[in-house]
Amino acid sequence: MELANVGSADRLIRLIAGIALIVIPFLMGMSLSSMPGLAMVIIGAILVVTAVIKFCPLYKIIGARTNKS
């Protein structure tokens, strides 16, 4: 059974957005002890992980998939 539900274009977008969300707080001098800085890094990390493992739990819950196979 194939668990991948994230397609190639979706993975690329998630990877770019995730890296940006991880890097931006540091470039802006935000502290990770601040709520916005911490939230951005956490969301960015989730996007990067879901891009790498090709699986999004939220997609599974709502029955969506961008993977065509």
C-alpha atoms as a PDB file:
ATOM      1  CA  MET A   1       0.000   0.000   0.000  1.00  0.00           C
ATOM      2  CA  GLU A   2       1.405   3.359  -1.071  1.00  0.00           C
ATOM      3  CA  LEU A   3       1.362   5.968   1.705  1.00  0.00           C
ATOM      4  CA  ALA A   4       2.681   8.893  -0.343  1.00  0.00           C
ATOM      5  CA  ASN A   5       0.003  11.524  -0.876  1.00  0.00           C
ATOM      6  CA  VAL A   6       2.162  14.559  -1.733  1.00  0.00           C
ATOM      7  CA  GLY A   7       3.101  15.068  -5.401  1.00  0.00           C
ATOM      8  CA  SER A   8       6.277  16.525  -6.915  1.00  0.00           C
ATOM      9  CA  ALA A   9       5.088  20.122  -7.395  1.00  0.00           C
ATOM     10  CA  ASP A  10       3.520  20.124  -3.926  1.00  0.00           C
ATOM     11  CA  ARG A  11       6.784  18.799  -2.442  1.00  0.00           C
ATOM     12  CA  LEU A  12       8.827  21.535  -4.105  1.00  0.00           C
ATOM     13  CA  ILE A  13       6.469  24.265  -2.875  1.00  0.00           C
ATOM     14  CA  ARG A  14       6.483  22.816   0.652  1.00  0.00           C
ATOM     15  CA  LEU A  15      10.271  22.570   0.665  1.00  0.00           C
ATOM     16  CA  ILE A  16      10.814  26.163  -0.501  1.00  0.00           C
ATOM     17  CA  ALA A  17       8.149  27.593   1.809  1.00  0.00           C
ATOM     18  CA  GLY A  18       9.402  25.512   4.742  1.00  0.00           C
ATOM     19  CA  ILE A  19      13.009  26.601   4.335  1.00  0.00           C
ATOM     20  CA  ALA A  20      11.885  30.217   3.984  1.00  0.00           C
ATOM     21  CA  LEU A  21       9.797  29.997   7.166  1.00  0.00           C
ATOM     22  CA  ILE A  22      12.741  28.521   9.053  1.00  0.00           C
ATOM     23  CA  VAL A  23      15.263  31.099   7.818  1.00  0.00           C
ATOM     24  CA  ILE A  24      13.193  34.333   7.877  1.00  0.00           C
ATOM     25  CA  PRO A  25      12.943  34.670  11.683  1.00  0.00           C
ATOM     26  CA  PHE A  26      16.735  34.472  11.960  1.00  0.00           C
ATOM     27  CA  LEU A  27      17.260  36.995   9.165  1.00  0.00           C
ATOM     28  CA  MET A  28      14.807  39.376  10.834  1.00  0.00           C
ATOM     29  CA  GLY A  29      16.506  38.982  14.214  1.00  0.00           C
ATOM     30  CA  MET A  30      13.462  37.376  15.800  1.00  0.00           C
ATOM     31  CA  SER A  31      13.952  35.351  18.942  1.00  0.00           C
ATOM     32  CA  LEU A  32      12.734  31.776  19.065  1.00  0.00           C
ATOM     33  CA  SER A  33      11.315  32.625  22.472  1.00  0.00           C
ATOM     34  CA  SER A  34       8.833  34.928  20.722  1.00  0.00           C
ATOM     35  CA  MET A  35       5.584  33.332  19.585  1.00  0.00           C
ATOM     36  CA  PRO A  36       5.793  34.491  15.928  1.00  0.00           C
ATOM     37  CA  GLY A  37       9.398  33.347  15.514  1.00  0.00           C
ATOM     38  CA  LEU A  38       8.771  29.977  17.114  1.00  0.00           C
ATOM     39  CA  ALA A  39       5.548  29.426  15.134  1.00  0.00           C
ATOM     40  CA  MET A  40       7.304  30.177  11.849  1.00  0.00           C
ATOM     41  CA  VAL A  41      10.107  27.713  12.585  1.00  0.00           C
ATOM     42  CA  ILE A  42       7.694  24.966  13.685  1.00  0.00           C
ATOM     43  CA  ILE A  43       5.446  25.391  10.637  1.00  0.00           C
ATOM     44  CA  GLY A  44       8.507  25.506   8.385  1.00  0.00           C
ATOM     45  CA  ALA A  45       9.852  22.306   9.908  1.00  0.00           C
ATOM     46  CA  ILE A  46       6.507  20.551   9.397  1.00  0.00           C
ATOM     47  CA  LEU A  47       6.470  21.618   5.732  1.00  0.00           C
ATOM     48  CA  VAL A  48      10.030  20.374   5.183  1.00  0.00           C
ATOM     49  CA  VAL A  49       9.345  17.029   6.886  1.00  0.00           C
ATOM     50  CA  THR A  50       6.134  16.420   4.916  1.00  0.00           C
ATOM     51  CA  ALA A  51       7.997  17.268   1.696  1.00  0.00           C
ATOM     52  CA  VAL A  52      10.800  14.832   2.515  1.00  0.00           C
ATOM     53  CA  ILE A  53       8.584  11.916   3.577  1.00  0.00           C
ATOM     54  CA  LYS A  54       6.001  12.600   0.806  1.00  0.00           C
ATOM     55  CA  PHE A  55       3.134  12.238   3.280  1.00  0.00           C
ATOM     56  CA  CYS A  56       0.799  14.829   4.782  1.00  0.00           C
ATOM     57  CA  PRO A  57      -1.407  13.660   7.667  1.00  0.00           C
ATOM     58  CA  LEU A  58      -3.879  16.492   7.005  1.00  0.00           C
ATOM     59  CA  TYR A  59      -4.301  15.297   3.410  1.00  0.00           C
ATOM     60  CA  LYS A  60      -5.002  11.814   4.778  1.00  0.00           C
ATOM     61  CA  ILE A  61      -7.694  13.154   7.124  1.00  0.00           C
ATOM     62  CA  ILE A  62      -9.514  15.127   4.422  1.00  0.00           C
ATOM     63  CA  GLY A  63      -8.947  12.521   1.712  1.00  0.00           C
ATOM     64  CA  ALA A  64      -6.844  14.750  -0.542  1.00  0.00           C
ATOM     65  CA  ARG A  65      -3.769  13.788  -2.528  1.00  0.00           C
ATOM     66  CA  THR A  66      -1.533  15.575  -5.000  1.00  0.00           C
ATOM     67  CA  ASN A  67       0.426  12.419  -5.836  1.00  0.00           C
ATOM     68  CA  LYS A  68      -0.915  11.022  -9.100  1.00  0.00           C
ATOM     69  CA  SER A  69       0.361   7.471  -8.631  1.00  0.00           C
END
